[in-house]
């Protein structure tokens, strides 16, 4: 089944808006981390690979926004700066902190995508298929981060809790604004 104008729902518009914003934010986090870390360390190479996947996700949602006439979030300039800053700060703390950031973000994104899939049911096969695909890649990112020592980062429980709370706030805001 192919999506057609008139098939739009407010819920689906909101999902596409928040998913595009989230994927954009992820690309900015990784850009900030790579700006500090460079591209030579094993952690930086892992981050660069994850960044490429996030860019592919963002491009998909950019296309959906254009094709379906969904208004993008008005908060994108904030995600640009905040995402880059979060990435730069965590990378400046060290590679394990950069990976702790990834693990925290991906924990929330996994939950967010799981909730979306329940809400979507079989109403939008194209969006559902993308969310399933992207969710699997986000879980891979989390596993890479954990295997790379994310939980050994300084103040990991606090850092993780703050980043996860920030993700929840960003998701709620991007759905509406």
C-alpha atoms as a PDB file:
ATOM      1  CA  UNK A   1       0.000   0.000   0.000  1.00  0.00           C
ATOM      2  CA  UNK A   2       1.381   3.400  -0.973  1.00  0.00           C
ATOM      3  CA  UNK A   3       0.709   6.541   1.011  1.00  0.00           C
ATOM      4  CA  UNK A   4      -1.457   9.150  -0.728  1.00  0.00           C
ATOM      5  CA  UNK A   5      -2.416  12.713   0.228  1.00  0.00           C
ATOM      6  CA  UNK A   6      -5.481  12.500   2.391  1.00  0.00           C
ATOM      7  CA  UNK A   7      -4.090   9.431   4.194  1.00  0.00           C
ATOM      8  CA  UNK A   8      -2.345  11.780   6.613  1.00  0.00           C
ATOM      9  CA  UNK A   9      -3.154  11.796  10.258  1.00  0.00           C
ATOM     10  CA  UNK A  10      -1.965  14.219  12.873  1.00  0.00           C
ATOM     11  CA  UNK A  11      -0.332  11.343  14.751  1.00  0.00           C
ATOM     12  CA  UNK A  12       1.656  10.269  11.721  1.00  0.00           C
ATOM     13  CA  UNK A  13       2.698  13.853  10.993  1.00  0.00           C
ATOM     14  CA  UNK A  14       3.909  14.167  14.570  1.00  0.00           C
ATOM     15  CA  UNK A  15       5.837  10.896  14.308  1.00  0.00           C
ATOM     16  CA  UNK A  16       7.583  11.948  11.123  1.00  0.00           C
ATOM     17  CA  UNK A  17       8.378  15.393  12.557  1.00  0.00           C
ATOM     18  CA  UNK A  18       9.857  14.029  15.785  1.00  0.00           C
ATOM     19  CA  UNK A  19      11.744  11.222  14.022  1.00  0.00           C
ATOM     20  CA  UNK A  20      13.329  13.638  11.555  1.00  0.00           C
ATOM     21  CA  UNK A  21      14.273  15.945  14.432  1.00  0.00           C
ATOM     22  CA  UNK A  22      15.734  13.052  16.406  1.00  0.00           C
ATOM     23  CA  UNK A  23      17.793  11.742  13.529  1.00  0.00           C
ATOM     24  CA  UNK A  24      19.018  15.265  12.824  1.00  0.00           C
ATOM     25  CA  UNK A  25      19.971  15.635  16.487  1.00  0.00           C
ATOM     26  CA  UNK A  26      21.856  12.331  16.359  1.00  0.00           C
ATOM     27  CA  UNK A  27      23.885  13.482  13.360  1.00  0.00           C
ATOM     28  CA  UNK A  28      24.766  16.649  15.288  1.00  0.00           C
ATOM     29  CA  UNK A  29      25.811  14.696  18.408  1.00  0.00           C
ATOM     30  CA  UNK A  30      28.140  12.551  16.322  1.00  0.00           C
ATOM     31  CA  UNK A  31      29.472  15.623  14.491  1.00  0.00           C
ATOM     32  CA  UNK A  32      30.343  17.183  17.848  1.00  0.00           C
ATOM     33  CA  UNK A  33      32.038  14.011  19.035  1.00  0.00           C
ATOM     34  CA  UNK A  34      34.060  13.639  15.850  1.00  0.00           C
ATOM     35  CA  UNK A  35      35.074  17.319  15.936  1.00  0.00           C
ATOM     36  CA  UNK A  36      36.758  16.637  19.283  1.00  0.00           C
ATOM     37  CA  UNK A  37      37.944  13.057  18.735  1.00  0.00           C
ATOM     38  CA  UNK A  38      39.023  13.185  15.113  1.00  0.00           C
ATOM     39  CA  UNK A  39      38.603  10.033  13.057  1.00  0.00           C
ATOM     40  CA  UNK A  40      41.561   7.854  13.994  1.00  0.00           C
ATOM     41  CA  UNK A  41      40.781   6.145  17.285  1.00  0.00           C
ATOM     42  CA  UNK A  42      38.736   2.949  17.382  1.00  0.00           C
ATOM     43  CA  UNK A  43      35.927   4.822  19.188  1.00  0.00           C
ATOM     44  CA  UNK A  44      35.936   7.561  16.550  1.00  0.00           C
ATOM     45  CA  UNK A  45      35.764   4.996  13.747  1.00  0.00           C
ATOM     46  CA  UNK A  46      32.760   3.362  15.447  1.00  0.00           C
ATOM     47  CA  UNK A  47      31.117   6.759  15.872  1.00  0.00           C
ATOM     48  CA  UNK A  48      31.756   7.653  12.219  1.00  0.00           C
ATOM     49  CA  UNK A  49      30.040   4.428  11.139  1.00  0.00           C
ATOM     50  CA  UNK A  50      27.051   5.100  13.367  1.00  0.00           C
ATOM     51  CA  UNK A  51      26.900   8.673  12.067  1.00  0.00           C
ATOM     52  CA  UNK A  52      26.568   7.396   8.498  1.00  0.00           C
ATOM     53  CA  UNK A  53      23.571   5.279   9.491  1.00  0.00           C
ATOM     54  CA  UNK A  54      21.972   8.225  11.310  1.00  0.00           C
ATOM     55  CA  UNK A  55      22.452  10.364   8.204  1.00  0.00           C
ATOM     56  CA  UNK A  56      20.626   7.731   6.139  1.00  0.00           C
ATOM     57  CA  UNK A  57      17.785   7.739   8.677  1.00  0.00           C
ATOM     58  CA  UNK A  58      17.606  11.537   8.564  1.00  0.00           C
ATOM     59  CA  UNK A  59      17.491  11.542   4.772  1.00  0.00           C
ATOM     60  CA  UNK A  60      14.559   9.117   4.830  1.00  0.00           C
ATOM     61  CA  UNK A  61      12.590  11.364   7.190  1.00  0.00           C
ATOM     62  CA  UNK A  62      13.579  14.477   5.205  1.00  0.00           C
ATOM     63  CA  UNK A  63      12.028  12.784   2.176  1.00  0.00           C
ATOM     64  CA  UNK A  64       8.880  11.861   4.102  1.00  0.00           C
ATOM     65  CA  UNK A  65       8.505  15.437   5.355  1.00  0.00           C
ATOM     66  CA  UNK A  66       8.735  16.735   1.789  1.00  0.00           C
ATOM     67  CA  UNK A  67       6.512  14.078   0.180  1.00  0.00           C
ATOM     68  CA  UNK A  68       3.807  14.196   2.829  1.00  0.00           C
ATOM     69  CA  UNK A  69       3.866  17.922   3.468  1.00  0.00           C
ATOM     70  CA  UNK A  70       4.695  17.558   7.158  1.00  0.00           C
ATOM     71  CA  UNK A  71       5.808  20.684   8.951  1.00  0.00           C
ATOM     72  CA  UNK A  72       9.290  20.139  10.381  1.00  0.00           C
ATOM     73  CA  UNK A  73      10.003  21.090  13.963  1.00  0.00           C
ATOM     74  CA  UNK A  74      10.632  24.759  14.635  1.00  0.00           C
ATOM     75  CA  UNK A  75      13.236  23.666  17.175  1.00  0.00           C
ATOM     76  CA  UNK A  76      15.811  22.469  14.630  1.00  0.00           C
ATOM     77  CA  UNK A  77      18.204  25.382  15.304  1.00  0.00           C
ATOM     78  CA  UNK A  78      18.211  24.348  18.965  1.00  0.00           C
ATOM     79  CA  UNK A  79      18.846  20.675  18.099  1.00  0.00           C
ATOM     80  CA  UNK A  80      21.699  21.816  15.853  1.00  0.00           C
ATOM     81  CA  UNK A  81      23.534  23.594  18.672  1.00  0.00           C
ATOM     82  CA  UNK A  82      22.458  21.366  21.558  1.00  0.00           C
ATOM     83  CA  UNK A  83      23.281  18.147  19.713  1.00  0.00           C
ATOM     84  CA  UNK A  84      26.725  19.352  18.652  1.00  0.00           C
ATOM     85  CA  UNK A  85      27.445  20.662  22.167  1.00  0.00           C
ATOM     86  CA  UNK A  86      26.348  17.400  23.796  1.00  0.00           C
ATOM     87  CA  UNK A  87      28.580  15.453  21.441  1.00  0.00           C
ATOM     88  CA  UNK A  88      31.557  17.764  21.940  1.00  0.00           C
ATOM     89  CA  UNK A  89      31.255  17.790  25.735  1.00  0.00           C
ATOM     90  CA  UNK A  90      30.941  14.027  26.045  1.00  0.00           C
ATOM     91  CA  UNK A  91      33.866  13.484  23.669  1.00  0.00           C
ATOM     92  CA  UNK A  92      35.972  15.994  25.616  1.00  0.00           C
ATOM     93  CA  UNK A  93      35.364  13.919  28.755  1.00  0.00           C
ATOM     94  CA  UNK A  94      36.670  10.884  26.874  1.00  0.00           C
ATOM     95  CA  UNK A  95      35.748   8.057  24.506  1.00  0.00           C
ATOM     96  CA  UNK A  96      33.812   6.155  27.188  1.00  0.00           C
ATOM     97  CA  UNK A  97      31.714   9.248  27.930  1.00  0.00           C
ATOM     98  CA  UNK A  98      31.020   9.641  24.206  1.00  0.00           C
ATOM     99  CA  UNK A  99      29.843   6.036  24.160  1.00  0.00           C
ATOM    100  CA  UNK A 100      27.804   6.622  27.339  1.00  0.00           C
ATOM    101  CA  UNK A 101      26.002   9.382  25.456  1.00  0.00           C
ATOM    102  CA  UNK A 102      25.214   6.980  22.619  1.00  0.00           C
ATOM    103  CA  UNK A 103      23.991   4.281  25.009  1.00  0.00           C
ATOM    104  CA  UNK A 104      21.693   6.744  26.807  1.00  0.00           C
ATOM    105  CA  UNK A 105      20.273   8.257  23.617  1.00  0.00           C
ATOM    106  CA  UNK A 106      19.706   4.874  21.993  1.00  0.00           C
ATOM    107  CA  UNK A 107      17.955   3.528  25.097  1.00  0.00           C
ATOM    108  CA  UNK A 108      15.360   6.281  24.756  1.00  0.00           C
ATOM    109  CA  UNK A 109      15.125   5.995  20.968  1.00  0.00           C
ATOM    110  CA  UNK A 110      14.491   2.252  21.210  1.00  0.00           C
ATOM    111  CA  UNK A 111      11.588   2.909  23.594  1.00  0.00           C
ATOM    112  CA  UNK A 112      10.326   5.781  21.407  1.00  0.00           C
ATOM    113  CA  UNK A 113      10.368   3.642  18.250  1.00  0.00           C
ATOM    114  CA  UNK A 114       8.717   0.703  20.057  1.00  0.00           C
ATOM    115  CA  UNK A 115       5.905   3.008  21.210  1.00  0.00           C
ATOM    116  CA  UNK A 116       5.490   4.332  17.662  1.00  0.00           C
ATOM    117  CA  UNK A 117       5.212   0.836  16.221  1.00  0.00           C
ATOM    118  CA  UNK A 118       2.406  -0.005  18.659  1.00  0.00           C
ATOM    119  CA  UNK A 119       0.602   3.227  17.794  1.00  0.00           C
ATOM    120  CA  UNK A 120       1.057   2.717  14.046  1.00  0.00           C
ATOM    121  CA  UNK A 121      -0.167  -0.861  13.954  1.00  0.00           C
ATOM    122  CA  UNK A 122      -0.642  -1.605  10.253  1.00  0.00           C
ATOM    123  CA  UNK A 123      -1.852   1.895   9.342  1.00  0.00           C
ATOM    124  CA  UNK A 124       1.324   3.056   7.554  1.00  0.00           C
ATOM    125  CA  UNK A 125       3.443   0.168   6.249  1.00  0.00           C
ATOM    126  CA  UNK A 126       6.133   2.435   4.759  1.00  0.00           C
ATOM    127  CA  UNK A 127       6.714   4.298   8.018  1.00  0.00           C
ATOM    128  CA  UNK A 128       6.479   1.121  10.096  1.00  0.00           C
ATOM    129  CA  UNK A 129       9.058  -0.684   7.952  1.00  0.00           C
ATOM    130  CA  UNK A 130      11.493   2.213   8.272  1.00  0.00           C
ATOM    131  CA  UNK A 131      11.001   2.430  12.033  1.00  0.00           C
ATOM    132  CA  UNK A 132      11.637  -1.315  12.411  1.00  0.00           C
ATOM    133  CA  UNK A 133      14.817  -1.038  10.319  1.00  0.00           C
ATOM    134  CA  UNK A 134      16.087   2.060  12.091  1.00  0.00           C
ATOM    135  CA  UNK A 135      15.233   0.698  15.537  1.00  0.00           C
ATOM    136  CA  UNK A 136      17.408  -2.356  14.844  1.00  0.00           C
ATOM    137  CA  UNK A 137      20.320  -0.102  13.866  1.00  0.00           C
ATOM    138  CA  UNK A 138      19.807   2.085  16.951  1.00  0.00           C
ATOM    139  CA  UNK A 139      19.990  -1.041  19.127  1.00  0.00           C
ATOM    140  CA  UNK A 140      23.237  -1.996  17.362  1.00  0.00           C
ATOM    141  CA  UNK A 141      24.600   1.455  18.241  1.00  0.00           C
ATOM    142  CA  UNK A 142      23.668   0.906  21.892  1.00  0.00           C
ATOM    143  CA  UNK A 143      25.377  -2.500  21.911  1.00  0.00           C
ATOM    144  CA  UNK A 144      28.524  -1.032  20.325  1.00  0.00           C
ATOM    145  CA  UNK A 145      28.530   1.736  22.934  1.00  0.00           C
ATOM    146  CA  UNK A 146      28.128  -0.699  25.820  1.00  0.00           C
ATOM    147  CA  UNK A 147      30.829  -2.999  24.417  1.00  0.00           C
ATOM    148  CA  UNK A 148      33.099   0.053  24.107  1.00  0.00           C
ATOM    149  CA  UNK A 149      32.927   0.828  27.813  1.00  0.00           C
ATOM    150  CA  UNK A 150      30.004   3.253  28.078  1.00  0.00           C
ATOM    151  CA  UNK A 151      29.177   2.053  31.593  1.00  0.00           C
ATOM    152  CA  UNK A 152      32.764   2.787  32.688  1.00  0.00           C
ATOM    153  CA  UNK A 153      32.419   6.499  31.874  1.00  0.00           C
ATOM    154  CA  UNK A 154      32.816   8.920  34.779  1.00  0.00           C
ATOM    155  CA  UNK A 155      29.508   9.360  36.631  1.00  0.00           C
ATOM    156  CA  UNK A 156      27.779   7.049  34.154  1.00  0.00           C
ATOM    157  CA  UNK A 157      24.486   6.676  36.069  1.00  0.00           C
ATOM    158  CA  UNK A 158      24.100  10.454  36.406  1.00  0.00           C
ATOM    159  CA  UNK A 159      25.227  11.182  32.835  1.00  0.00           C
ATOM    160  CA  UNK A 160      22.891   8.536  31.453  1.00  0.00           C
ATOM    161  CA  UNK A 161      19.930   9.773  33.497  1.00  0.00           C
ATOM    162  CA  UNK A 162      20.441  13.407  32.435  1.00  0.00           C
ATOM    163  CA  UNK A 163      20.875  12.543  28.736  1.00  0.00           C
ATOM    164  CA  UNK A 164      17.858  10.217  28.766  1.00  0.00           C
ATOM    165  CA  UNK A 165      15.706  12.892  30.416  1.00  0.00           C
ATOM    166  CA  UNK A 166      16.886  15.389  27.815  1.00  0.00           C
ATOM    167  CA  UNK A 167      15.885  12.976  25.060  1.00  0.00           C
ATOM    168  CA  UNK A 168      12.405  12.574  26.528  1.00  0.00           C
ATOM    169  CA  UNK A 169      11.968  16.349  26.716  1.00  0.00           C
ATOM    170  CA  UNK A 170      13.239  16.781  23.139  1.00  0.00           C
ATOM    171  CA  UNK A 171      10.852  14.101  21.845  1.00  0.00           C
ATOM    172  CA  UNK A 172       7.862  15.665  23.596  1.00  0.00           C
ATOM    173  CA  UNK A 173       8.756  19.145  22.342  1.00  0.00           C
ATOM    174  CA  UNK A 174       9.416  18.127  18.737  1.00  0.00           C
ATOM    175  CA  UNK A 175       6.058  16.344  18.508  1.00  0.00           C
ATOM    176  CA  UNK A 176       4.268  19.633  19.071  1.00  0.00           C
ATOM    177  CA  UNK A 177       6.569  22.490  18.106  1.00  0.00           C
END
